[in-house]
């Protein structure tokens, strides 16, 4: 896992991206699941990265709903529950 900002308004990149905030309970829960599963990801703090925050708002029709998780291959989940996130990771071949 790394904490680095995006320099682009789109979530392009290699690997799993988690757009969220350190104070957000849903972001903490999703990151904890990824950590438990041993899934590497890049955390993008939308409070520190203005472009990422704007992307989240555009993606969510004006709302700053987080986390927004971008899975390699293009699937994007907003505020997923653990079960939905794990299913998406399985579909992407990231967990068995």
N, C-alpha and C. Protein backbone atom coordinates (compact mmCIF):
# COMPACT_ATOMS: atom_id res chain seq x y z
N UNK A 1 0.86 -1.18 0.00
CA UNK A 1 0.00 0.00 0.00
C UNK A 1 0.90 1.23 0.00
N UNK A 2 0.47 2.26 -0.71
CA UNK A 2 1.19 3.52 -0.68
C UNK A 2 0.20 4.66 -0.59
N UNK A 3 0.66 5.76 -0.04
CA UNK A 3 -0.15 6.97 0.03
C UNK A 3 0.45 7.97 -0.94
N UNK A 4 -0.12 8.07 -2.14
CA UNK A 4 0.39 9.02 -3.10
C UNK A 4 -0.76 9.67 -3.84
N UNK A 5 -0.60 10.93 -4.20
CA UNK A 5 -1.68 11.63 -4.89
C UNK A 5 -1.74 11.25 -6.36
N UNK A 6 -2.90 11.45 -6.95
CA UNK A 6 -3.01 11.33 -8.40
C UNK A 6 -2.66 12.68 -8.99
N UNK A 7 -2.24 12.70 -10.23
CA UNK A 7 -1.96 13.95 -10.90
C UNK A 7 -2.92 14.14 -12.05
N UNK A 8 -4.00 13.41 -12.04
CA UNK A 8 -4.92 13.35 -13.16
C UNK A 8 -6.33 13.29 -12.60
N UNK A 9 -7.29 13.75 -13.36
CA UNK A 9 -8.68 13.72 -12.90
C UNK A 9 -9.30 12.36 -13.06
N UNK A 10 -8.63 11.43 -13.72
CA UNK A 10 -9.16 10.08 -13.87
C UNK A 10 -8.40 9.12 -12.98
N UNK A 11 -9.00 7.98 -12.67
CA UNK A 11 -8.34 7.03 -11.78
C UNK A 11 -7.40 6.08 -12.50
N UNK A 12 -6.83 6.51 -13.61
CA UNK A 12 -5.95 5.63 -14.37
C UNK A 12 -4.73 5.25 -13.54
N UNK A 13 -4.29 4.05 -13.69
CA UNK A 13 -3.11 3.61 -12.98
C UNK A 13 -3.08 2.11 -12.90
N UNK A 14 -1.97 1.60 -12.43
CA UNK A 14 -1.83 0.17 -12.26
C UNK A 14 -2.23 -0.19 -10.84
N UNK A 15 -2.94 -1.27 -10.70
CA UNK A 15 -3.31 -1.75 -9.39
C UNK A 15 -4.60 -1.15 -8.87
N UNK A 16 -4.96 -1.57 -7.69
CA UNK A 16 -6.20 -1.15 -7.04
C UNK A 16 -6.03 0.23 -6.42
N UNK A 17 -7.02 1.09 -6.62
CA UNK A 17 -6.99 2.43 -6.06
C UNK A 17 -8.14 2.60 -5.07
N UNK A 18 -7.86 3.23 -3.95
CA UNK A 18 -8.89 3.54 -2.96
C UNK A 18 -8.90 5.06 -2.78
N UNK A 19 -9.96 5.70 -3.26
CA UNK A 19 -10.15 7.13 -3.05
C UNK A 19 -10.98 7.27 -1.78
N UNK A 20 -10.46 7.96 -0.79
CA UNK A 20 -11.19 8.09 0.47
C UNK A 20 -10.60 9.18 1.33
N UNK A 21 -10.87 9.08 2.63
CA UNK A 21 -10.35 10.03 3.61
C UNK A 21 -10.03 9.28 4.90
N UNK A 22 -9.02 9.76 5.61
CA UNK A 22 -8.58 9.06 6.82
C UNK A 22 -9.63 9.08 7.92
N UNK A 23 -10.54 10.06 7.92
CA UNK A 23 -11.56 10.17 8.96
C UNK A 23 -12.80 9.33 8.66
N UNK A 24 -12.91 8.79 7.45
CA UNK A 24 -14.13 8.12 7.00
C UNK A 24 -14.18 6.66 7.47
N UNK A 25 -15.23 6.32 8.19
CA UNK A 25 -15.39 4.96 8.70
C UNK A 25 -15.49 3.92 7.59
N UNK A 26 -16.21 4.23 6.51
CA UNK A 26 -16.33 3.27 5.40
C UNK A 26 -14.98 3.07 4.71
N UNK A 27 -14.21 4.13 4.58
CA UNK A 27 -12.87 4.01 4.00
C UNK A 27 -11.99 3.13 4.89
N UNK A 28 -12.04 3.36 6.19
CA UNK A 28 -11.25 2.55 7.13
C UNK A 28 -11.64 1.09 7.04
N UNK A 29 -12.94 0.80 6.96
CA UNK A 29 -13.42 -0.57 6.89
C UNK A 29 -12.94 -1.26 5.62
N UNK A 30 -13.06 -0.57 4.48
CA UNK A 30 -12.62 -1.15 3.21
C UNK A 30 -11.12 -1.39 3.20
N UNK A 31 -10.35 -0.43 3.71
CA UNK A 31 -8.90 -0.60 3.77
C UNK A 31 -8.52 -1.75 4.69
N UNK A 32 -9.23 -1.91 5.80
CA UNK A 32 -8.95 -3.01 6.72
C UNK A 32 -9.20 -4.35 6.03
N UNK A 33 -10.28 -4.45 5.25
CA UNK A 33 -10.55 -5.69 4.51
C UNK A 33 -9.43 -5.97 3.51
N UNK A 34 -9.03 -4.98 2.76
CA UNK A 34 -7.94 -5.16 1.80
C UNK A 34 -6.66 -5.60 2.51
N UNK A 35 -6.37 -5.00 3.65
CA UNK A 35 -5.18 -5.37 4.42
C UNK A 35 -5.28 -6.82 4.90
N UNK A 36 -6.46 -7.21 5.41
CA UNK A 36 -6.66 -8.60 5.88
C UNK A 36 -6.47 -9.59 4.75
N UNK A 37 -6.92 -9.23 3.55
CA UNK A 37 -6.83 -10.12 2.39
C UNK A 37 -5.44 -10.07 1.74
N UNK A 38 -4.60 -9.15 2.19
CA UNK A 38 -3.26 -9.03 1.62
C UNK A 38 -3.25 -8.42 0.22
N UNK A 39 -4.24 -7.58 -0.07
CA UNK A 39 -4.36 -6.94 -1.37
C UNK A 39 -3.59 -5.61 -1.35
N UNK A 40 -2.65 -5.46 -2.24
CA UNK A 40 -1.92 -4.19 -2.35
C UNK A 40 -2.82 -3.15 -3.02
N UNK A 41 -2.73 -1.92 -2.55
CA UNK A 41 -3.54 -0.85 -3.11
C UNK A 41 -2.85 0.49 -2.89
N UNK A 42 -3.29 1.46 -3.65
CA UNK A 42 -2.84 2.84 -3.46
C UNK A 42 -3.99 3.61 -2.84
N UNK A 43 -3.74 4.24 -1.71
CA UNK A 43 -4.74 5.08 -1.04
C UNK A 43 -4.56 6.51 -1.49
N UNK A 44 -5.64 7.12 -1.95
CA UNK A 44 -5.63 8.51 -2.39
C UNK A 44 -6.56 9.29 -1.48
N UNK A 45 -5.98 10.14 -0.65
CA UNK A 45 -6.75 10.92 0.31
C UNK A 45 -7.34 12.13 -0.41
N UNK A 46 -8.65 12.14 -0.60
CA UNK A 46 -9.29 13.21 -1.36
C UNK A 46 -9.26 14.54 -0.62
N UNK A 47 -8.96 14.53 0.68
CA UNK A 47 -8.81 15.78 1.41
C UNK A 47 -7.47 16.44 1.10
N UNK A 48 -6.52 15.66 0.61
CA UNK A 48 -5.18 16.18 0.31
C UNK A 48 -4.93 16.30 -1.19
N UNK A 49 -5.76 15.65 -1.99
CA UNK A 49 -5.58 15.65 -3.44
C UNK A 49 -6.83 16.23 -4.09
N UNK A 50 -6.75 17.51 -4.44
CA UNK A 50 -7.92 18.21 -4.97
C UNK A 50 -8.45 17.58 -6.26
N UNK A 51 -7.56 17.17 -7.15
CA UNK A 51 -8.00 16.55 -8.41
C UNK A 51 -8.75 15.25 -8.14
N UNK A 52 -8.26 14.46 -7.19
CA UNK A 52 -8.93 13.20 -6.86
C UNK A 52 -10.31 13.48 -6.25
N UNK A 53 -10.40 14.50 -5.40
CA UNK A 53 -11.70 14.87 -4.82
C UNK A 53 -12.68 15.30 -5.89
N UNK A 54 -12.20 16.04 -6.87
CA UNK A 54 -13.06 16.46 -7.97
C UNK A 54 -13.50 15.28 -8.81
N UNK A 55 -12.58 14.32 -9.03
CA UNK A 55 -12.94 13.11 -9.78
C UNK A 55 -14.04 12.34 -9.05
N UNK A 56 -13.89 12.18 -7.72
CA UNK A 56 -14.90 11.48 -6.92
C UNK A 56 -16.25 12.17 -7.08
N UNK A 57 -16.26 13.48 -6.99
CA UNK A 57 -17.52 14.21 -7.14
C UNK A 57 -18.14 13.99 -8.52
N UNK A 58 -17.33 14.06 -9.56
CA UNK A 58 -17.86 13.81 -10.91
C UNK A 58 -18.37 12.38 -11.04
N UNK A 59 -17.61 11.45 -10.53
CA UNK A 59 -17.98 10.03 -10.61
C UNK A 59 -19.31 9.77 -9.89
N UNK A 60 -19.54 10.48 -8.81
CA UNK A 60 -20.74 10.26 -7.98
C UNK A 60 -21.82 11.31 -8.23
N UNK A 61 -21.83 11.95 -9.37
CA UNK A 61 -22.88 12.90 -9.70
C UNK A 61 -22.94 14.09 -8.76
N UNK A 62 -21.78 14.57 -8.30
CA UNK A 62 -21.71 15.74 -7.44
C UNK A 62 -21.51 15.43 -5.97
N UNK A 63 -21.62 14.18 -5.60
CA UNK A 63 -21.47 13.78 -4.20
C UNK A 63 -20.04 13.35 -3.91
N UNK A 64 -19.58 13.62 -2.69
CA UNK A 64 -18.25 13.17 -2.26
C UNK A 64 -18.35 11.84 -1.51
N UNK A 65 -19.22 10.96 -1.96
CA UNK A 65 -19.38 9.64 -1.34
C UNK A 65 -18.09 8.85 -1.48
N UNK A 66 -17.60 8.36 -0.34
CA UNK A 66 -16.36 7.59 -0.31
C UNK A 66 -16.51 6.39 0.61
N UNK A 67 -15.69 5.38 0.40
CA UNK A 67 -14.63 5.29 -0.57
C UNK A 67 -15.15 4.99 -1.98
N UNK A 68 -14.35 5.38 -2.96
CA UNK A 68 -14.55 4.93 -4.33
C UNK A 68 -13.34 4.06 -4.64
N UNK A 69 -13.61 2.80 -4.93
CA UNK A 69 -12.54 1.83 -5.15
C UNK A 69 -12.53 1.45 -6.63
N UNK A 70 -11.37 1.63 -7.24
CA UNK A 70 -11.19 1.31 -8.66
C UNK A 70 -10.36 0.03 -8.73
N UNK A 71 -10.98 -1.01 -9.30
CA UNK A 71 -10.34 -2.31 -9.41
C UNK A 71 -9.71 -2.43 -10.79
N UNK A 72 -8.49 -2.99 -10.87
CA UNK A 72 -7.88 -3.17 -12.19
C UNK A 72 -8.86 -3.87 -13.13
N UNK A 73 -8.95 -3.38 -14.33
CA UNK A 73 -9.91 -3.91 -15.28
C UNK A 73 -11.08 -2.96 -15.46
N UNK A 74 -11.20 -1.98 -14.55
CA UNK A 74 -12.18 -0.93 -14.76
C UNK A 74 -13.38 -0.89 -13.84
N UNK A 75 -13.66 -1.94 -13.07
CA UNK A 75 -14.83 -1.86 -12.17
C UNK A 75 -14.58 -0.83 -11.08
N UNK A 76 -15.61 -0.03 -10.81
CA UNK A 76 -15.52 1.01 -9.79
C UNK A 76 -16.67 0.83 -8.81
N UNK A 77 -16.35 0.81 -7.53
CA UNK A 77 -17.35 0.63 -6.47
C UNK A 77 -17.36 1.85 -5.57
N UNK A 78 -18.55 2.36 -5.27
CA UNK A 78 -18.69 3.47 -4.34
C UNK A 78 -19.34 2.97 -3.07
N UNK A 79 -18.69 3.22 -1.94
CA UNK A 79 -19.16 2.81 -0.62
C UNK A 79 -19.57 1.33 -0.58
N UNK A 80 -18.72 0.44 -1.07
CA UNK A 80 -19.11 -0.97 -1.07
C UNK A 80 -19.08 -1.56 0.33
N UNK A 81 -19.98 -2.50 0.58
CA UNK A 81 -19.90 -3.30 1.79
C UNK A 81 -18.78 -4.32 1.60
N UNK A 82 -18.35 -4.94 2.68
CA UNK A 82 -17.26 -5.91 2.59
C UNK A 82 -17.59 -7.05 1.63
N UNK A 83 -18.81 -7.55 1.66
CA UNK A 83 -19.20 -8.68 0.80
C UNK A 83 -19.11 -8.28 -0.67
N UNK A 84 -19.62 -7.10 -1.02
CA UNK A 84 -19.57 -6.64 -2.41
C UNK A 84 -18.13 -6.41 -2.86
N UNK A 85 -17.32 -5.83 -2.00
CA UNK A 85 -15.92 -5.59 -2.35
C UNK A 85 -15.20 -6.91 -2.56
N UNK A 86 -15.41 -7.86 -1.67
CA UNK A 86 -14.74 -9.15 -1.81
C UNK A 86 -15.19 -9.87 -3.07
N UNK A 87 -16.47 -9.81 -3.42
CA UNK A 87 -16.96 -10.42 -4.67
C UNK A 87 -16.29 -9.79 -5.88
N UNK A 88 -16.17 -8.46 -5.89
CA UNK A 88 -15.53 -7.77 -7.00
C UNK A 88 -14.06 -8.16 -7.12
N UNK A 89 -13.40 -8.31 -5.98
CA UNK A 89 -12.00 -8.72 -5.99
C UNK A 89 -11.86 -10.15 -6.52
N UNK A 90 -12.80 -11.02 -6.14
CA UNK A 90 -12.80 -12.39 -6.66
C UNK A 90 -13.01 -12.39 -8.15
N UNK A 91 -13.97 -11.60 -8.64
CA UNK A 91 -14.24 -11.52 -10.08
C UNK A 91 -13.02 -11.03 -10.86
N UNK A 92 -12.25 -10.15 -10.23
CA UNK A 92 -11.05 -9.61 -10.88
C UNK A 92 -9.85 -10.54 -10.73
N UNK A 93 -10.04 -11.67 -10.03
CA UNK A 93 -8.95 -12.63 -9.85
C UNK A 93 -7.92 -12.20 -8.83
N UNK A 94 -8.31 -11.28 -7.94
CA UNK A 94 -7.36 -10.78 -6.95
C UNK A 94 -7.36 -11.59 -5.65
N UNK A 95 -8.44 -12.34 -5.42
CA UNK A 95 -8.51 -13.26 -4.28
C UNK A 95 -9.25 -14.52 -4.76
N UNK A 96 -9.02 -15.62 -4.05
CA UNK A 96 -9.69 -16.86 -4.44
C UNK A 96 -10.89 -17.12 -3.56
